[in-house]
Amino acid sequence: MKIGIFFGLLSAGLFGASTPFAQLLLGTIDPWMMAGLLYLGAGAGLAVIQLSRVSLSLTASEAPLRRADVPWLALVILAGGVLGPLLLMFGLARTDATSASLDRTP
């Protein structure tokens, strides 16, 4: 199996496993705080990866950010980094654990 496929499946599995754990914590933590903690953990993980790349002198070839990309980047940050986690946590706070972990659509 290619390493990219492995990491993709691993990240999907970890994200799926985070839902029941977030459901347990939402009884004692505000959804705003939980959404922030979710992305704080993601940022910490990416910081570790970036620091290890720098210390091992590994470079990633990336296209430079252009001025025309900034509005799209801001929209993606707002939708995927702010609204997405908030809506997820507010939805989990109002859903029982069985419904949150299973897709019960007919």
N, C-alpha and C. Protein backbone atom coordinates (compact mmCIF):
# COMPACT_ATOMS: atom_id res chain seq x y z
N MET A 1 0.84 -1.18 0.00
CA MET A 1 0.00 0.00 0.00
C MET A 1 0.89 1.24 0.00
N LYS A 2 0.52 2.21 -0.82
CA LYS A 2 1.29 3.45 -0.86
C LYS A 2 1.10 4.21 0.44
N ILE A 3 2.13 4.94 0.85
CA ILE A 3 2.13 5.64 2.13
C ILE A 3 1.05 6.72 2.17
N GLY A 4 0.77 7.37 1.03
CA GLY A 4 -0.27 8.39 0.99
C GLY A 4 -1.65 7.82 1.26
N ILE A 5 -1.92 6.64 0.69
CA ILE A 5 -3.20 5.98 0.93
C ILE A 5 -3.32 5.59 2.40
N PHE A 6 -2.24 5.07 2.96
CA PHE A 6 -2.24 4.70 4.38
C PHE A 6 -2.56 5.89 5.27
N PHE A 7 -1.86 7.02 5.03
CA PHE A 7 -2.09 8.20 5.86
C PHE A 7 -3.49 8.77 5.65
N GLY A 8 -4.01 8.68 4.44
CA GLY A 8 -5.38 9.13 4.18
C GLY A 8 -6.39 8.31 4.95
N LEU A 9 -6.23 6.99 4.92
CA LEU A 9 -7.13 6.12 5.68
C LEU A 9 -6.97 6.31 7.18
N LEU A 10 -5.74 6.49 7.63
CA LEU A 10 -5.50 6.73 9.05
C LEU A 10 -6.16 8.02 9.51
N SER A 11 -6.03 9.09 8.73
CA SER A 11 -6.64 10.36 9.13
C SER A 11 -8.16 10.26 9.12
N ALA A 12 -8.73 9.55 8.16
CA ALA A 12 -10.19 9.37 8.14
C ALA A 12 -10.65 8.57 9.35
N GLY A 13 -9.90 7.54 9.70
CA GLY A 13 -10.25 6.74 10.88
C GLY A 13 -10.15 7.54 12.17
N LEU A 14 -9.10 8.34 12.30
CA LEU A 14 -8.95 9.16 13.51
C LEU A 14 -10.04 10.22 13.59
N PHE A 15 -10.40 10.82 12.46
CA PHE A 15 -11.47 11.82 12.48
C PHE A 15 -12.79 11.16 12.86
N GLY A 16 -13.04 9.97 12.32
CA GLY A 16 -14.27 9.25 12.67
C GLY A 16 -14.30 8.85 14.14
N ALA A 17 -13.15 8.50 14.68
CA ALA A 17 -13.09 8.13 16.10
C ALA A 17 -13.23 9.34 17.00
N SER A 18 -12.93 10.52 16.50
CA SER A 18 -13.03 11.72 17.34
C SER A 18 -14.48 12.09 17.64
N THR A 19 -15.41 11.68 16.79
CA THR A 19 -16.81 12.06 17.00
C THR A 19 -17.39 11.49 18.29
N PRO A 20 -17.25 10.18 18.58
CA PRO A 20 -17.79 9.68 19.85
C PRO A 20 -17.09 10.29 21.07
N PHE A 21 -15.79 10.54 20.97
CA PHE A 21 -15.08 11.16 22.09
C PHE A 21 -15.53 12.60 22.30
N ALA A 22 -15.74 13.32 21.21
CA ALA A 22 -16.24 14.69 21.33
C ALA A 22 -17.64 14.69 21.93
N GLN A 23 -18.45 13.71 21.57
CA GLN A 23 -19.80 13.58 22.12
C GLN A 23 -19.74 13.42 23.64
N LEU A 24 -18.80 12.62 24.12
CA LEU A 24 -18.66 12.44 25.57
C LEU A 24 -18.25 13.73 26.27
N LEU A 25 -17.33 14.47 25.67
CA LEU A 25 -16.82 15.69 26.29
C LEU A 25 -17.80 16.85 26.22
N LEU A 26 -18.72 16.83 25.25
CA LEU A 26 -19.62 17.95 25.09
C LEU A 26 -20.61 18.09 26.24
N GLY A 27 -20.72 17.08 27.08
CA GLY A 27 -21.57 17.21 28.26
C GLY A 27 -20.99 18.18 29.27
N THR A 28 -19.67 18.35 29.25
CA THR A 28 -19.01 19.21 30.24
C THR A 28 -18.30 20.41 29.62
N ILE A 29 -18.11 20.41 28.30
CA ILE A 29 -17.38 21.49 27.62
C ILE A 29 -18.31 22.17 26.63
N ASP A 30 -18.25 23.48 26.56
CA ASP A 30 -19.04 24.26 25.62
C ASP A 30 -18.64 23.90 24.18
N PRO A 31 -19.61 23.83 23.24
CA PRO A 31 -19.27 23.51 21.85
C PRO A 31 -18.24 24.45 21.23
N TRP A 32 -18.25 25.73 21.60
CA TRP A 32 -17.26 26.67 21.08
C TRP A 32 -15.86 26.25 21.52
N MET A 33 -15.74 25.89 22.79
CA MET A 33 -14.44 25.47 23.32
C MET A 33 -13.99 24.16 22.68
N MET A 34 -14.93 23.23 22.50
CA MET A 34 -14.59 21.94 21.91
C MET A 34 -14.12 22.11 20.47
N ALA A 35 -14.78 22.97 19.70
CA ALA A 35 -14.35 23.23 18.32
C ALA A 35 -12.95 23.83 18.30
N GLY A 36 -12.68 24.73 19.23
CA GLY A 36 -11.35 25.31 19.32
C GLY A 36 -10.30 24.30 19.69
N LEU A 37 -10.63 23.42 20.63
CA LEU A 37 -9.68 22.38 21.05
C LEU A 37 -9.42 21.38 19.93
N LEU A 38 -10.45 21.10 19.14
CA LEU A 38 -10.30 20.18 18.01
C LEU A 38 -9.24 20.70 17.04
N TYR A 39 -9.32 21.98 16.71
CA TYR A 39 -8.37 22.54 15.77
C TYR A 39 -7.06 22.94 16.41
N LEU A 40 -7.05 23.17 17.70
CA LEU A 40 -5.78 23.38 18.40
C LEU A 40 -4.94 22.10 18.33
N GLY A 41 -5.58 20.96 18.53
CA GLY A 41 -4.88 19.68 18.42
C GLY A 41 -4.38 19.43 17.01
N ALA A 42 -5.19 19.77 16.02
CA ALA A 42 -4.76 19.61 14.63
C ALA A 42 -3.57 20.51 14.32
N GLY A 43 -3.62 21.73 14.81
CA GLY A 43 -2.51 22.66 14.60
C GLY A 43 -1.24 22.20 15.29
N ALA A 44 -1.38 21.64 16.49
CA ALA A 44 -0.21 21.13 17.21
C ALA A 44 0.41 19.96 16.46
N GLY A 45 -0.43 19.08 15.92
CA GLY A 45 0.09 17.96 15.14
C GLY A 45 0.82 18.41 13.89
N LEU A 46 0.25 19.39 13.19
CA LEU A 46 0.92 19.91 12.00
C LEU A 46 2.20 20.66 12.35
N ALA A 47 2.23 21.31 13.50
CA ALA A 47 3.45 21.99 13.93
C ALA A 47 4.57 20.99 14.17
N VAL A 48 4.24 19.84 14.76
CA VAL A 48 5.24 18.79 14.97
C VAL A 48 5.77 18.29 13.63
N ILE A 49 4.88 18.09 12.68
CA ILE A 49 5.31 17.63 11.36
C ILE A 49 6.20 18.67 10.69
N GLN A 50 5.80 19.93 10.76
CA GLN A 50 6.60 20.99 10.13
C GLN A 50 7.97 21.12 10.80
N LEU A 51 8.01 21.06 12.12
CA LEU A 51 9.30 21.15 12.82
C LEU A 51 10.20 19.97 12.50
N SER A 52 9.61 18.78 12.34
CA SER A 52 10.43 17.63 11.99
C SER A 52 10.95 17.76 10.56
N ARG A 53 10.16 18.33 9.66
CA ARG A 53 10.64 18.56 8.29
C ARG A 53 11.80 19.55 8.27
N VAL A 54 11.68 20.60 9.06
CA VAL A 54 12.74 21.61 9.12
C VAL A 54 14.00 21.01 9.72
N SER A 55 13.86 20.24 10.80
CA SER A 55 15.04 19.67 11.45
C SER A 55 15.72 18.61 10.59
N LEU A 56 14.96 17.93 9.74
CA LEU A 56 15.53 16.93 8.84
C LEU A 56 15.90 17.51 7.48
N SER A 57 15.74 18.81 7.32
CA SER A 57 16.03 19.52 6.06
C SER A 57 15.25 18.95 4.88
N LEU A 58 14.00 18.57 5.11
CA LEU A 58 13.13 18.11 4.04
C LEU A 58 12.36 19.30 3.50
N THR A 59 12.33 19.45 2.20
CA THR A 59 11.60 20.57 1.61
C THR A 59 10.42 20.03 0.83
N ALA A 60 9.33 20.75 0.89
CA ALA A 60 8.14 20.40 0.12
C ALA A 60 7.99 21.42 -1.00
N SER A 61 7.78 20.93 -2.21
CA SER A 61 7.61 21.85 -3.33
C SER A 61 6.16 22.33 -3.35
N GLU A 62 5.98 23.59 -3.08
CA GLU A 62 4.64 24.17 -3.04
C GLU A 62 4.61 25.40 -3.93
N ALA A 63 3.46 25.64 -4.52
CA ALA A 63 3.28 26.84 -5.32
C ALA A 63 3.18 28.04 -4.39
N PRO A 64 3.73 29.17 -4.80
CA PRO A 64 3.63 30.36 -3.94
C PRO A 64 2.19 30.86 -3.86
N LEU A 65 1.86 31.50 -2.76
CA LEU A 65 0.53 32.08 -2.58
C LEU A 65 0.46 33.39 -3.36
N ARG A 66 -0.51 33.47 -4.26
CA ARG A 66 -0.69 34.68 -5.06
C ARG A 66 -1.77 35.55 -4.44
N ARG A 67 -1.75 36.81 -4.78
CA ARG A 67 -2.74 37.76 -4.25
C ARG A 67 -4.16 37.34 -4.62
N ALA A 68 -4.35 36.78 -5.80
CA ALA A 68 -5.67 36.34 -6.24
C ALA A 68 -6.18 35.16 -5.42
N ASP A 69 -5.28 34.44 -4.76
CA ASP A 69 -5.67 33.28 -3.96
C ASP A 69 -6.17 33.66 -2.57
N VAL A 70 -5.85 34.86 -2.10
CA VAL A 70 -6.15 35.26 -0.72
C VAL A 70 -7.65 35.22 -0.41
N PRO A 71 -8.55 35.77 -1.26
CA PRO A 71 -9.98 35.68 -0.93
C PRO A 71 -10.48 34.24 -0.83
N TRP A 72 -10.00 33.38 -1.73
CA TRP A 72 -10.41 31.98 -1.69
C TRP A 72 -9.87 31.30 -0.44
N LEU A 73 -8.64 31.61 -0.08
CA LEU A 73 -8.05 31.05 1.13
C LEU A 73 -8.83 31.49 2.36
N ALA A 74 -9.20 32.76 2.41
CA ALA A 74 -9.98 33.27 3.54
C ALA A 74 -11.34 32.58 3.62
N LEU A 75 -11.97 32.34 2.48
CA LEU A 75 -13.26 31.64 2.46
C LEU A 75 -13.12 30.20 2.95
N VAL A 76 -12.07 29.53 2.52
CA VAL A 76 -11.82 28.16 2.95
C VAL A 76 -11.54 28.10 4.45
N ILE A 77 -10.76 29.05 4.96
CA ILE A 77 -10.47 29.09 6.39
C ILE A 77 -11.74 29.32 7.18
N LEU A 78 -12.59 30.24 6.72
CA LEU A 78 -13.83 30.52 7.42
C LEU A 78 -14.77 29.32 7.41
N ALA A 79 -14.94 28.71 6.24
CA ALA A 79 -15.88 27.60 6.13
C ALA A 79 -15.35 26.33 6.78
N GLY A 80 -14.12 25.96 6.46
CA GLY A 80 -13.59 24.69 6.94
C GLY A 80 -12.93 24.75 8.29
N GLY A 81 -12.43 25.92 8.67
CA GLY A 81 -11.71 26.03 9.93
C GLY A 81 -12.50 26.64 11.05
N VAL A 82 -13.60 27.33 10.73
CA VAL A 82 -14.39 27.97 11.78
C VAL A 82 -15.82 27.42 11.78
N LEU A 83 -16.54 27.60 10.68
CA LEU A 83 -17.93 27.18 10.65
C LEU A 83 -18.10 25.66 10.73
N GLY A 84 -17.26 24.93 10.02
CA GLY A 84 -17.37 23.47 10.03
C GLY A 84 -17.26 22.87 11.42
N PRO A 85 -16.18 23.15 12.15
CA PRO A 85 -16.06 22.60 13.50
C PRO A 85 -17.16 23.08 14.45
N LEU A 86 -17.55 24.36 14.33
CA LEU A 86 -18.61 24.87 15.19
C LEU A 86 -19.93 24.14 14.95
N LEU A 87 -20.30 24.00 13.68
CA LEU A 87 -21.54 23.30 13.37
C LEU A 87 -21.48 21.84 13.78
N LEU A 88 -20.31 21.21 13.62
CA LEU A 88 -20.14 19.83 14.06
C LEU A 88 -20.37 19.71 15.56
N MET A 89 -19.76 20.58 16.35
CA MET A 89 -19.88 20.48 17.80
C MET A 89 -21.28 20.84 18.28
N PHE A 90 -21.91 21.85 17.68
CA PHE A 90 -23.28 22.17 18.06
C PHE A 90 -24.23 21.04 17.68
N GLY A 91 -24.00 20.41 16.53
CA GLY A 91 -24.81 19.26 16.14
C GLY A 91 -24.62 18.08 17.08
N LEU A 92 -23.37 17.81 17.45
CA LEU A 92 -23.11 16.71 18.38
C LEU A 92 -23.71 16.97 19.76
N ALA A 93 -23.73 18.23 20.17
CA ALA A 93 -24.29 18.57 21.48
C ALA A 93 -25.79 18.31 21.52
N ARG A 94 -26.44 18.31 20.37
CA ARG A 94 -27.89 18.12 20.31
C ARG A 94 -28.29 16.75 19.79
N THR A 95 -27.35 15.84 19.68
CA THR A 95 -27.60 14.51 19.12
C THR A 95 -27.18 13.46 20.13
N ASP A 96 -27.97 12.37 20.22
CA ASP A 96 -27.53 11.29 21.11
C ASP A 96 -26.37 10.53 20.47
N ALA A 97 -25.65 9.77 21.28
CA ALA A 97 -24.42 9.13 20.84
C ALA A 97 -24.66 8.13 19.70
N THR A 98 -25.76 7.41 19.74
CA THR A 98 -26.04 6.43 18.69
C THR A 98 -26.24 7.11 17.35
N SER A 99 -27.01 8.17 17.34
CA SER A 99 -27.24 8.90 16.09
C SER A 99 -25.97 9.55 15.58
N ALA A 100 -25.13 10.02 16.48
CA ALA A 100 -23.90 10.69 16.07
C ALA A 100 -22.90 9.72 15.45
N SER A 101 -22.90 8.47 15.89
CA SER A 101 -21.90 7.53 15.40
C SER A 101 -22.39 6.70 14.22
N LEU A 102 -23.68 6.70 13.95
CA LEU A 102 -24.24 5.90 12.86
C LEU A 102 -25.01 6.78 11.90
N ASP A 103 -24.97 6.43 10.64
CA ASP A 103 -25.79 7.12 9.65
C ASP A 103 -27.13 6.40 9.61
N ARG A 104 -28.18 7.05 10.09
CA ARG A 104 -29.48 6.39 10.20
C ARG A 104 -30.44 6.88 9.14
N THR A 105 -29.95 7.28 7.97
CA THR A 105 -30.85 7.73 6.91
C THR A 105 -31.48 6.52 6.24
N PRO A 106 -32.74 6.63 5.82
CA PRO A 106 -33.42 5.48 5.19
C PRO A 106 -32.89 5.17 3.82
